[in-house]
Amino acid sequence: MACPRFRGARRKKGVYTTSPQGSVWFASPVPEIASALVAALARRTEIEWGTVKLRVRGFTVDIGEGSVADGPVEVATATPVVVRHDGRDLLPGDDFYLERVTHNLAHKADVLGLPAPRGVRVLEAGPRRRFAVRGAPRIGARVRLAMEADARFVDALRSWGVGLDTIQGFGWVE
């Protein structure tokens, strides 16, 4: 699940601003789970996001882009990527950021028994975002990455995510 995004919301330092036009994404690579999400959303008129009630005006099902070929690929995250070095949260442009993202991707490829991606670069980065998850801070930024990668690895990234704390919804690949 990605945090709500609101079109036309004015930026204000230290505050998550909203507008009447927003969206929330729920996803699963498992068809049975995705079907359960669709069925549950079809019965809802509102969703509680923390202390805020969001009115459901409708929903769409997006089946994604499908598989890619081996070779150059770009991936963008819908949620901030969490990366740490020596106990410190890193943001794109910080020392060690690219090294840690590359290490994270190589580790995931190793776990899957696939070749590690090569030539990882940050093409674009969003603003710093800070969230508290069970009282602990998570700091990151959305990114668009370019790399040379095995198509099976890219498909797996869409399910797994980039960076740390992906089980908490961070680093979700669009």
C-alpha atoms as a PDB file:
ATOM      1  CA  MET A   1       0.000   0.000   0.000  1.00  0.00           C
ATOM      2  CA  ALA A   2       1.263   3.470  -0.807  1.00  0.00           C
ATOM      3  CA  CYS A   3       0.491   6.540   1.261  1.00  0.00           C
ATOM      4  CA  PRO A   4      -2.285   8.753  -0.095  1.00  0.00           C
ATOM      5  CA  ARG A   5      -1.294  11.301  -2.732  1.00  0.00           C
ATOM      6  CA  PHE A   6      -3.321  14.454  -3.165  1.00  0.00           C
ATOM      7  CA  ARG A   7      -3.367  16.390  -6.437  1.00  0.00           C
ATOM      8  CA  GLY A   8      -3.157  20.142  -5.954  1.00  0.00           C
ATOM      9  CA  ALA A   9      -2.202  19.965  -2.269  1.00  0.00           C
ATOM     10  CA  ARG A  10      -0.073  22.944  -1.305  1.00  0.00           C
ATOM     11  CA  ARG A  11       3.286  22.153   0.267  1.00  0.00           C
ATOM     12  CA  LYS A  12       3.820  23.220   3.847  1.00  0.00           C
ATOM     13  CA  LYS A  13       6.971  22.400   5.802  1.00  0.00           C
ATOM     14  CA  GLY A  14       6.420  19.768   8.488  1.00  0.00           C
ATOM     15  CA  VAL A  15       2.813  19.067   7.491  1.00  0.00           C
ATOM     16  CA  TYR A  16       1.282  16.413   5.249  1.00  0.00           C
ATOM     17  CA  THR A  17      -1.228  18.523   3.309  1.00  0.00           C
ATOM     18  CA  THR A  18      -4.295  17.227   1.494  1.00  0.00           C
ATOM     19  CA  SER A  19      -6.804  18.258  -1.144  1.00  0.00           C
ATOM     20  CA  PRO A  20     -10.218  16.939  -2.202  1.00  0.00           C
ATOM     21  CA  GLN A  21      -8.548  14.998  -5.060  1.00  0.00           C
ATOM     22  CA  GLY A  22      -6.490  12.094  -3.756  1.00  0.00           C
ATOM     23  CA  SER A  23      -5.595   8.492  -4.419  1.00  0.00           C
ATOM     24  CA  VAL A  24      -4.376   5.510  -2.417  1.00  0.00           C
ATOM     25  CA  TRP A  25      -2.799   2.436  -4.034  1.00  0.00           C
ATOM     26  CA  PHE A  26      -3.185  -1.102  -2.716  1.00  0.00           C
ATOM     27  CA  ALA A  27      -1.345  -3.898  -4.457  1.00  0.00           C
ATOM     28  CA  SER A  28      -0.325  -7.505  -4.376  1.00  0.00           C
ATOM     29  CA  PRO A  29       1.484  -9.699  -6.902  1.00  0.00           C
ATOM     30  CA  VAL A  30      -0.690 -12.593  -5.646  1.00  0.00           C
ATOM     31  CA  PRO A  31      -3.948 -12.678  -7.658  1.00  0.00           C
ATOM     32  CA  GLU A  32      -5.963 -14.138  -4.770  1.00  0.00           C
ATOM     33  CA  ILE A  33      -4.895 -11.289  -2.474  1.00  0.00           C
ATOM     34  CA  ALA A  34      -5.526  -8.672  -5.164  1.00  0.00           C
ATOM     35  CA  SER A  35      -9.024 -10.133  -5.697  1.00  0.00           C
ATOM     36  CA  ALA A  36      -9.737  -9.889  -1.964  1.00  0.00           C
ATOM     37  CA  LEU A  37      -8.607  -6.238  -1.996  1.00  0.00           C
ATOM     38  CA  VAL A  38     -10.944  -5.443  -4.899  1.00  0.00           C
ATOM     39  CA  ALA A  39     -13.870  -7.186  -3.192  1.00  0.00           C
ATOM     40  CA  ALA A  40     -13.245  -5.352   0.091  1.00  0.00           C
ATOM     41  CA  LEU A  41     -12.900  -1.943  -1.598  1.00  0.00           C
ATOM     42  CA  ALA A  42     -16.090  -2.478  -3.594  1.00  0.00           C
ATOM     43  CA  ARG A  43     -18.037  -2.610  -0.307  1.00  0.00           C
ATOM     44  CA  ARG A  44     -16.436   0.500   1.265  1.00  0.00           C
ATOM     45  CA  THR A  45     -17.611   4.093   1.266  1.00  0.00           C
ATOM     46  CA  GLU A  46     -14.624   5.308   3.299  1.00  0.00           C
ATOM     47  CA  ILE A  47     -11.169   4.226   4.467  1.00  0.00           C
ATOM     48  CA  GLU A  48      -9.589   5.244   7.758  1.00  0.00           C
ATOM     49  CA  TRP A  49      -6.001   6.418   7.335  1.00  0.00           C
ATOM     50  CA  GLY A  50      -4.772   6.932  10.871  1.00  0.00           C
ATOM     51  CA  THR A  51      -7.190   9.468  12.338  1.00  0.00           C
ATOM     52  CA  VAL A  52      -8.393  10.674   8.920  1.00  0.00           C
ATOM     53  CA  LYS A  53     -11.421   9.281   7.094  1.00  0.00           C
ATOM     54  CA  LEU A  54     -11.001   9.181   3.323  1.00  0.00           C
ATOM     55  CA  ARG A  55     -14.156   8.929   1.223  1.00  0.00           C
ATOM     56  CA  VAL A  56     -14.059   6.247  -1.491  1.00  0.00           C
ATOM     57  CA  ARG A  57     -15.367   7.657  -4.769  1.00  0.00           C
ATOM     58  CA  GLY A  58     -14.384   4.686  -6.885  1.00  0.00           C
ATOM     59  CA  PHE A  59     -11.464   2.489  -7.766  1.00  0.00           C
ATOM     60  CA  THR A  60      -9.676   1.028 -10.754  1.00  0.00           C
ATOM     61  CA  VAL A  61      -7.679  -2.137 -11.240  1.00  0.00           C
ATOM     62  CA  ASP A  62      -4.230  -1.670 -12.774  1.00  0.00           C
ATOM     63  CA  ILE A  63      -2.556  -4.840 -14.021  1.00  0.00           C
ATOM     64  CA  GLY A  64       0.843  -3.158 -14.359  1.00  0.00           C
ATOM     65  CA  GLU A  65       3.254  -2.944 -17.232  1.00  0.00           C
ATOM     66  CA  GLY A  66       4.053  -6.634 -17.588  1.00  0.00           C
ATOM     67  CA  SER A  67       7.466  -8.150 -17.999  1.00  0.00           C
ATOM     68  CA  VAL A  68      10.482  -6.337 -19.389  1.00  0.00           C
ATOM     69  CA  ALA A  69      13.395  -7.732 -21.380  1.00  0.00           C
ATOM     70  CA  ASP A  70      16.889  -8.262 -19.990  1.00  0.00           C
ATOM     71  CA  GLY A  71      19.063  -5.166 -20.244  1.00  0.00           C
ATOM     72  CA  PRO A  72      18.627  -1.474 -19.512  1.00  0.00           C
ATOM     73  CA  VAL A  73      15.592  -0.667 -17.404  1.00  0.00           C
ATOM     74  CA  GLU A  74      14.217   2.208 -15.354  1.00  0.00           C
ATOM     75  CA  VAL A  75      12.172   1.667 -12.203  1.00  0.00           C
ATOM     76  CA  ALA A  76      10.426   4.328 -10.150  1.00  0.00           C
ATOM     77  CA  THR A  77       9.170   3.963  -6.608  1.00  0.00           C
ATOM     78  CA  ALA A  78       5.722   5.073  -5.479  1.00  0.00           C
ATOM     79  CA  THR A  79       6.842   5.252  -1.853  1.00  0.00           C
ATOM     80  CA  PRO A  80      10.067   6.512  -0.251  1.00  0.00           C
ATOM     81  CA  VAL A  81      13.116   4.244  -0.323  1.00  0.00           C
ATOM     82  CA  VAL A  82      14.672   3.704   3.116  1.00  0.00           C
ATOM     83  CA  VAL A  83      18.461   3.224   3.085  1.00  0.00           C
ATOM     84  CA  ARG A  84      20.830   3.293   6.051  1.00  0.00           C
ATOM     85  CA  HIS A  85      24.574   3.404   6.626  1.00  0.00           C
ATOM     86  CA  ASP A  86      26.161   3.260  10.077  1.00  0.00           C
ATOM     87  CA  GLY A  87      22.750   3.709  11.725  1.00  0.00           C
ATOM     88  CA  ARG A  88      21.980   6.881   9.747  1.00  0.00           C
ATOM     89  CA  ASP A  89      19.163   7.269   7.224  1.00  0.00           C
ATOM     90  CA  LEU A  90      20.465   8.312   3.809  1.00  0.00           C
ATOM     91  CA  LEU A  91      18.843  10.304   1.038  1.00  0.00           C
ATOM     92  CA  PRO A  92      19.710  10.449  -2.665  1.00  0.00           C
ATOM     93  CA  GLY A  93      22.831  12.566  -3.053  1.00  0.00           C
ATOM     94  CA  ASP A  94      24.220  11.625   0.386  1.00  0.00           C
ATOM     95  CA  ASP A  95      27.575   9.863   0.639  1.00  0.00           C
ATOM     96  CA  PHE A  96      27.089   6.078   0.493  1.00  0.00           C
ATOM     97  CA  TYR A  97      23.463   6.326  -0.791  1.00  0.00           C
ATOM     98  CA  LEU A  98      24.134   4.778  -4.204  1.00  0.00           C
ATOM     99  CA  GLU A  99      26.505   2.226  -2.680  1.00  0.00           C
ATOM    100  CA  ARG A 100      23.834   1.092  -0.177  1.00  0.00           C
ATOM    101  CA  VAL A 101      21.040   0.950  -2.790  1.00  0.00           C
ATOM    102  CA  THR A 102      23.314  -1.069  -5.084  1.00  0.00           C
ATOM    103  CA  HIS A 103      24.210  -3.395  -2.197  1.00  0.00           C
ATOM    104  CA  ASN A 104      20.509  -3.822  -1.333  1.00  0.00           C
ATOM    105  CA  LEU A 105      19.653  -4.726  -4.931  1.00  0.00           C
ATOM    106  CA  ALA A 106      22.619  -7.126  -5.188  1.00  0.00           C
ATOM    107  CA  HIS A 107      21.596  -8.823  -1.937  1.00  0.00           C
ATOM    108  CA  LYS A 108      18.032  -9.309  -3.215  1.00  0.00           C
ATOM    109  CA  ALA A 109      19.351 -10.750  -6.485  1.00  0.00           C
ATOM    110  CA  ASP A 110      21.611 -13.122  -4.513  1.00  0.00           C
ATOM    111  CA  VAL A 111      18.695 -14.316  -2.356  1.00  0.00           C
ATOM    112  CA  LEU A 112      16.738 -15.029  -5.538  1.00  0.00           C
ATOM    113  CA  GLY A 113      19.689 -16.742  -7.240  1.00  0.00           C
ATOM    114  CA  LEU A 114      19.729 -14.153 -10.027  1.00  0.00           C
ATOM    115  CA  PRO A 115      22.532 -11.987 -11.416  1.00  0.00           C
ATOM    116  CA  ALA A 116      23.001  -8.686  -9.605  1.00  0.00           C
ATOM    117  CA  PRO A 117      22.012  -5.556 -11.515  1.00  0.00           C
ATOM    118  CA  ARG A 118      24.847  -3.469 -12.931  1.00  0.00           C
ATOM    119  CA  GLY A 119      25.350   0.243 -13.485  1.00  0.00           C
ATOM    120  CA  VAL A 120      22.750   1.385 -10.957  1.00  0.00           C
ATOM    121  CA  ARG A 121      22.169   5.158 -11.120  1.00  0.00           C
ATOM    122  CA  VAL A 122      19.702   7.562  -9.561  1.00  0.00           C
ATOM    123  CA  LEU A 123      17.967   9.477 -12.353  1.00  0.00           C
ATOM    124  CA  GLU A 124      15.567  11.458 -10.214  1.00  0.00           C
ATOM    125  CA  ALA A 125      14.660  11.830  -6.538  1.00  0.00           C
ATOM    126  CA  GLY A 126      11.647  13.207  -4.746  1.00  0.00           C
ATOM    127  CA  PRO A 127      11.620  15.287  -1.560  1.00  0.00           C
ATOM    128  CA  ARG A 128      12.649  13.935   1.835  1.00  0.00           C
ATOM    129  CA  ARG A 129       9.779  12.210   3.591  1.00  0.00           C
ATOM    130  CA  ARG A 130       9.648  11.196   7.260  1.00  0.00           C
ATOM    131  CA  PHE A 131       7.171   8.683   8.669  1.00  0.00           C
ATOM    132  CA  ALA A 132       6.816   7.132  12.109  1.00  0.00           C
ATOM    133  CA  VAL A 133       6.173   3.393  12.024  1.00  0.00           C
ATOM    134  CA  ARG A 134       5.322   2.007  15.452  1.00  0.00           C
ATOM    135  CA  GLY A 135       7.106   4.983  16.986  1.00  0.00           C
ATOM    136  CA  ALA A 136      10.314   4.554  14.970  1.00  0.00           C
ATOM    137  CA  PRO A 137      11.239   7.084  12.268  1.00  0.00           C
ATOM    138  CA  ARG A 138      11.575   6.039   8.645  1.00  0.00           C
ATOM    139  CA  ILE A 139      13.213   8.626   6.392  1.00  0.00           C
ATOM    140  CA  GLY A 140      13.561   8.341   2.638  1.00  0.00           C
ATOM    141  CA  ALA A 141      12.662   9.711  -0.767  1.00  0.00           C
ATOM    142  CA  ARG A 142      10.994   8.360  -3.874  1.00  0.00           C
ATOM    143  CA  VAL A 143      13.505   7.601  -6.625  1.00  0.00           C
ATOM    144  CA  ARG A 144      13.736   6.695 -10.283  1.00  0.00           C
ATOM    145  CA  LEU A 145      16.621   4.310 -10.910  1.00  0.00           C
ATOM    146  CA  ALA A 146      18.319   3.083 -14.082  1.00  0.00           C
ATOM    147  CA  MET A 147      20.235  -0.204 -14.244  1.00  0.00           C
ATOM    148  CA  GLU A 148      21.153  -3.169 -16.412  1.00  0.00           C
ATOM    149  CA  ALA A 149      19.167  -6.075 -15.002  1.00  0.00           C
ATOM    150  CA  ASP A 150      17.797  -9.535 -15.624  1.00  0.00           C
ATOM    151  CA  ALA A 151      14.081  -9.353 -16.494  1.00  0.00           C
ATOM    152  CA  ARG A 152      13.250 -11.887 -13.756  1.00  0.00           C
ATOM    153  CA  PHE A 153      14.932  -9.633 -11.201  1.00  0.00           C
ATOM    154  CA  VAL A 154      12.932  -6.587 -12.338  1.00  0.00           C
ATOM    155  CA  ASP A 155       9.699  -8.602 -12.052  1.00  0.00           C
ATOM    156  CA  ALA A 156      10.723  -9.649  -8.528  1.00  0.00           C
ATOM    157  CA  LEU A 157      11.510  -6.028  -7.573  1.00  0.00           C
ATOM    158  CA  ARG A 158       7.953  -5.057  -8.430  1.00  0.00           C
ATOM    159  CA  SER A 159       6.798  -7.475  -5.736  1.00  0.00           C
ATOM    160  CA  TRP A 160       9.600  -6.921  -3.232  1.00  0.00           C
ATOM    161  CA  GLY A 161      10.518  -3.241  -3.468  1.00  0.00           C
ATOM    162  CA  VAL A 162      13.771  -1.280  -3.213  1.00  0.00           C
ATOM    163  CA  GLY A 163      15.655  -0.564   0.000  1.00  0.00           C
ATOM    164  CA  LEU A 164      14.840  -1.484   3.569  1.00  0.00           C
ATOM    165  CA  ASP A 165      11.510  -1.819   5.384  1.00  0.00           C
ATOM    166  CA  THR A 166       9.675  -2.934   2.233  1.00  0.00           C
ATOM    167  CA  ILE A 167       7.378  -5.057   4.425  1.00  0.00           C
ATOM    168  CA  GLN A 168       6.189  -1.742   5.895  1.00  0.00           C
ATOM    169  CA  GLY A 169       5.385  -0.359   2.430  1.00  0.00           C
ATOM    170  CA  PHE A 170       8.589   1.511   1.651  1.00  0.00           C
ATOM    171  CA  GLY A 171      10.342   1.334  -1.733  1.00  0.00           C
ATOM    172  CA  TRP A 172       7.264   0.078  -3.584  1.00  0.00           C
ATOM    173  CA  VAL A 173       8.045  -0.051  -7.333  1.00  0.00           C
ATOM    174  CA  GLU A 174       5.357   1.468  -9.572  1.00  0.00           C
END
